[in-house]
Amino acid sequence: MRYVIGVVIVTVFLIWDLGYNDGRAINSTVMELKRLTSMVGA
């Protein structure tokens, strides 16, 4: 049940970000992950 609540919270956040925030949080997260993986050398 905890996993279902977590998935619902993440899904609602992603829908909100895409719908009302033009995906800014998603874009910044992806860019940060790319930067970190390039620092590690993967």
PDB file of N, CA and C in Angstrom:
ATOM      1  N   MET A   1       0.820  -1.199   0.000  1.00  0.00           N
ATOM      2  CA  MET A   1       0.000   0.000   0.000  1.00  0.00           C
ATOM      3  C   MET A   1       0.868   1.269   0.000  1.00  0.00           C
ATOM      4  N   ARG A   2       2.026   1.209   0.699  1.00  0.00           N
ATOM      5  CA  ARG A   2       2.902   2.385   0.707  1.00  0.00           C
ATOM      6  C   ARG A   2       3.415   2.694  -0.689  1.00  0.00           C
ATOM      7  N   TYR A   3       3.699   1.647  -1.459  1.00  0.00           N
ATOM      8  CA  TYR A   3       4.222   1.857  -2.815  1.00  0.00           C
ATOM      9  C   TYR A   3       3.166   2.495  -3.705  1.00  0.00           C
ATOM     10  N   VAL A   4       1.919   2.095  -3.533  1.00  0.00           N
ATOM     11  CA  VAL A   4       0.839   2.670  -4.334  1.00  0.00           C
ATOM     12  C   VAL A   4       0.714   4.158  -4.042  1.00  0.00           C
ATOM     13  N   ILE A   5       0.774   4.529  -2.777  1.00  0.00           N
ATOM     14  CA  ILE A   5       0.681   5.948  -2.412  1.00  0.00           C
ATOM     15  C   ILE A   5       1.861   6.719  -2.994  1.00  0.00           C
ATOM     16  N   GLY A   6       3.060   6.137  -2.932  1.00  0.00           N
ATOM     17  CA  GLY A   6       4.233   6.798  -3.500  1.00  0.00           C
ATOM     18  C   GLY A   6       4.117   7.000  -4.999  1.00  0.00           C
ATOM     19  N   VAL A   7       3.647   5.964  -5.695  1.00  0.00           N
ATOM     20  CA  VAL A   7       3.486   6.067  -7.151  1.00  0.00           C
ATOM     21  C   VAL A   7       2.438   7.115  -7.500  1.00  0.00           C
ATOM     22  N   VAL A   8       1.358   7.160  -6.752  1.00  0.00           N
ATOM     23  CA  VAL A   8       0.309   8.156  -7.013  1.00  0.00           C
ATOM     24  C   VAL A   8       0.845   9.567  -6.788  1.00  0.00           C
ATOM     25  N   ILE A   9       1.615   9.769  -5.730  1.00  0.00           N
ATOM     26  CA  ILE A   9       2.173  11.098  -5.462  1.00  0.00           C
ATOM     27  C   ILE A   9       3.117  11.525  -6.581  1.00  0.00           C
ATOM     28  N   VAL A  10       3.987  10.613  -7.020  1.00  0.00           N
ATOM     29  CA  VAL A  10       4.919  10.943  -8.109  1.00  0.00           C
ATOM     30  C   VAL A  10       4.167  11.225  -9.395  1.00  0.00           C
ATOM     31  N   THR A  11       3.142  10.420  -9.691  1.00  0.00           N
ATOM     32  CA  THR A  11       2.366  10.615 -10.915  1.00  0.00           C
ATOM     33  C   THR A  11       1.649  11.954 -10.909  1.00  0.00           C
ATOM     34  N   VAL A  12       1.037  12.313  -9.785  1.00  0.00           N
ATOM     35  CA  VAL A  12       0.346  13.603  -9.690  1.00  0.00           C
ATOM     36  C   VAL A  12       1.338  14.743  -9.858  1.00  0.00           C
ATOM     37  N   PHE A  13       2.532  14.622  -9.255  1.00  0.00           N
ATOM     38  CA  PHE A  13       3.533  15.672  -9.411  1.00  0.00           C
ATOM     39  C   PHE A  13       3.956  15.819 -10.869  1.00  0.00           C
ATOM     40  N   LEU A  14       4.174  14.681 -11.563  1.00  0.00           N
ATOM     41  CA  LEU A  14       4.602  14.752 -12.964  1.00  0.00           C
ATOM     42  C   LEU A  14       3.516  15.374 -13.829  1.00  0.00           C
ATOM     43  N   ILE A  15       2.263  15.010 -13.596  1.00  0.00           N
ATOM     44  CA  ILE A  15       1.169  15.599 -14.378  1.00  0.00           C
ATOM     45  C   ILE A  15       1.072  17.090 -14.116  1.00  0.00           C
ATOM     46  N   TRP A  16       1.203  17.484 -12.840  1.00  0.00           N
ATOM     47  CA  TRP A  16       1.160  18.907 -12.514  1.00  0.00           C
ATOM     48  C   TRP A  16       2.317  19.650 -13.174  1.00  0.00           C
ATOM     49  N   ASP A  17       3.513  19.075 -13.117  1.00  0.00           N
ATOM     50  CA  ASP A  17       4.689  19.738 -13.680  1.00  0.00           C
ATOM     51  C   ASP A  17       4.541  19.906 -15.185  1.00  0.00           C
ATOM     52  N   LEU A  18       4.072  18.869 -15.843  1.00  0.00           N
ATOM     53  CA  LEU A  18       3.919  18.959 -17.297  1.00  0.00           C
ATOM     54  C   LEU A  18       2.783  19.908 -17.673  1.00  0.00           C
ATOM     55  N   GLY A  19       1.700  19.885 -16.920  1.00  0.00           N
ATOM     56  CA  GLY A  19       0.531  20.678 -17.290  1.00  0.00           C
ATOM     57  C   GLY A  19       0.645  22.141 -16.939  1.00  0.00           C
ATOM     58  N   TYR A  20       1.174  22.451 -15.756  1.00  0.00           N
ATOM     59  CA  TYR A  20       1.122  23.818 -15.277  1.00  0.00           C
ATOM     60  C   TYR A  20       2.483  24.490 -15.179  1.00  0.00           C
ATOM     61  N   ASN A  21       3.549  23.719 -15.268  1.00  0.00           N
ATOM     62  CA  ASN A  21       4.875  24.281 -15.050  1.00  0.00           C
ATOM     63  C   ASN A  21       5.774  24.068 -16.266  1.00  0.00           C
ATOM     64  N   ASP A  22       5.218  23.624 -17.366  1.00  0.00           N
ATOM     65  CA  ASP A  22       5.937  23.383 -18.624  1.00  0.00           C
ATOM     66  C   ASP A  22       7.085  22.402 -18.461  1.00  0.00           C
ATOM     67  N   GLY A  23       7.002  21.510 -17.489  1.00  0.00           N
ATOM     68  CA  GLY A  23       8.002  20.470 -17.319  1.00  0.00           C
ATOM     69  C   GLY A  23       9.342  20.959 -16.805  1.00  0.00           C
ATOM     70  N   ARG A  24       9.351  22.093 -16.111  1.00  0.00           N
ATOM     71  CA  ARG A  24      10.633  22.654 -15.665  1.00  0.00           C
ATOM     72  C   ARG A  24      11.344  21.762 -14.671  1.00  0.00           C
ATOM     73  N   ALA A  25      10.599  21.183 -13.723  1.00  0.00           N
ATOM     74  CA  ALA A  25      11.239  20.331 -12.709  1.00  0.00           C
ATOM     75  C   ALA A  25      11.811  19.074 -13.357  1.00  0.00           C
ATOM     76  N   ILE A  26      11.094  18.517 -14.314  1.00  0.00           N
ATOM     77  CA  ILE A  26      11.573  17.318 -14.999  1.00  0.00           C
ATOM     78  C   ILE A  26      12.837  17.647 -15.789  1.00  0.00           C
ATOM     79  N   ASN A  27      12.827  18.746 -16.507  1.00  0.00           N
ATOM     80  CA  ASN A  27      13.993  19.129 -17.307  1.00  0.00           C
ATOM     81  C   ASN A  27      15.214  19.375 -16.434  1.00  0.00           C
ATOM     82  N   SER A  28      15.032  20.077 -15.324  1.00  0.00           N
ATOM     83  CA  SER A  28      16.190  20.361 -14.472  1.00  0.00           C
ATOM     84  C   SER A  28      16.715  19.084 -13.832  1.00  0.00           C
ATOM     85  N   THR A  29      15.820  18.155 -13.494  1.00  0.00           N
ATOM     86  CA  THR A  29      16.259  16.884 -12.914  1.00  0.00           C
ATOM     87  C   THR A  29      17.045  16.079 -13.928  1.00  0.00           C
ATOM     88  N   VAL A  30      16.573  16.017 -15.157  1.00  0.00           N
ATOM     89  CA  VAL A  30      17.268  15.262 -16.198  1.00  0.00           C
ATOM     90  C   VAL A  30      18.633  15.876 -16.478  1.00  0.00           C
ATOM     91  N   MET A  31      18.708  17.192 -16.539  1.00  0.00           N
ATOM     92  CA  MET A  31      19.987  17.847 -16.800  1.00  0.00           C
ATOM     93  C   MET A  31      20.972  17.597 -15.665  1.00  0.00           C
ATOM     94  N   GLU A  32      20.487  17.613 -14.424  1.00  0.00           N
ATOM     95  CA  GLU A  32      21.363  17.365 -13.281  1.00  0.00           C
ATOM     96  C   GLU A  32      21.866  15.922 -13.296  1.00  0.00           C
ATOM     97  N   LEU A  33      21.002  14.972 -13.644  1.00  0.00           N
ATOM     98  CA  LEU A  33      21.421  13.572 -13.719  1.00  0.00           C
ATOM     99  C   LEU A  33      22.475  13.379 -14.812  1.00  0.00           C
ATOM    100  N   LYS A  34      22.296  14.052 -15.948  1.00  0.00           N
ATOM    101  CA  LYS A  34      23.291  13.957 -17.026  1.00  0.00           C
ATOM    102  C   LYS A  34      24.638  14.517 -16.572  1.00  0.00           C
ATOM    103  N   ARG A  35      24.580  15.643 -15.843  1.00  0.00           N
ATOM    104  CA  ARG A  35      25.810  16.255 -15.367  1.00  0.00           C
ATOM    105  C   ARG A  35      26.529  15.337 -14.366  1.00  0.00           C
ATOM    106  N   LEU A  36      25.755  14.735 -13.470  1.00  0.00           N
ATOM    107  CA  LEU A  36      26.370  13.851 -12.483  1.00  0.00           C
ATOM    108  C   LEU A  36      26.966  12.601 -13.132  1.00  0.00           C
ATOM    109  N   THR A  37      26.275  12.037 -14.107  1.00  0.00           N
ATOM    110  CA  THR A  37      26.817  10.844 -14.758  1.00  0.00           C
ATOM    111  C   THR A  37      28.064  11.192 -15.569  1.00  0.00           C
ATOM    112  N   SER A  38      28.117  12.392 -16.138  1.00  0.00           N
ATOM    113  CA  SER A  38      29.335  12.765 -16.869  1.00  0.00           C
ATOM    114  C   SER A  38      30.497  13.006 -15.908  1.00  0.00           C
ATOM    115  N   MET A  39      30.203  13.489 -14.703  1.00  0.00           N
ATOM    116  CA  MET A  39      31.253  13.665 -13.702  1.00  0.00           C
ATOM    117  C   MET A  39      31.810  12.321 -13.261  1.00  0.00           C
ATOM    118  N   VAL A  40      30.928  11.335 -13.109  1.00  0.00           N
ATOM    119  CA  VAL A  40      31.358  10.004 -12.676  1.00  0.00           C
ATOM    120  C   VAL A  40      32.136   9.324 -13.796  1.00  0.00           C
ATOM    121  N   GLY A  41      31.771   9.619 -15.033  1.00  0.00           N
ATOM    122  CA  GLY A  41      32.465   9.045 -16.180  1.00  0.00           C
ATOM    123  C   GLY A  41      31.716   7.912 -16.832  1.00  0.00           C
ATOM    124  N   ALA A  42      30.426   7.815 -16.533  1.00  0.00           N
ATOM    125  CA  ALA A  42      29.620   6.735 -17.117  1.00  0.00           C
ATOM    126  C   ALA A  42      29.197   7.101 -18.531  1.00  0.00           C
TER     127      ALA A  42
END
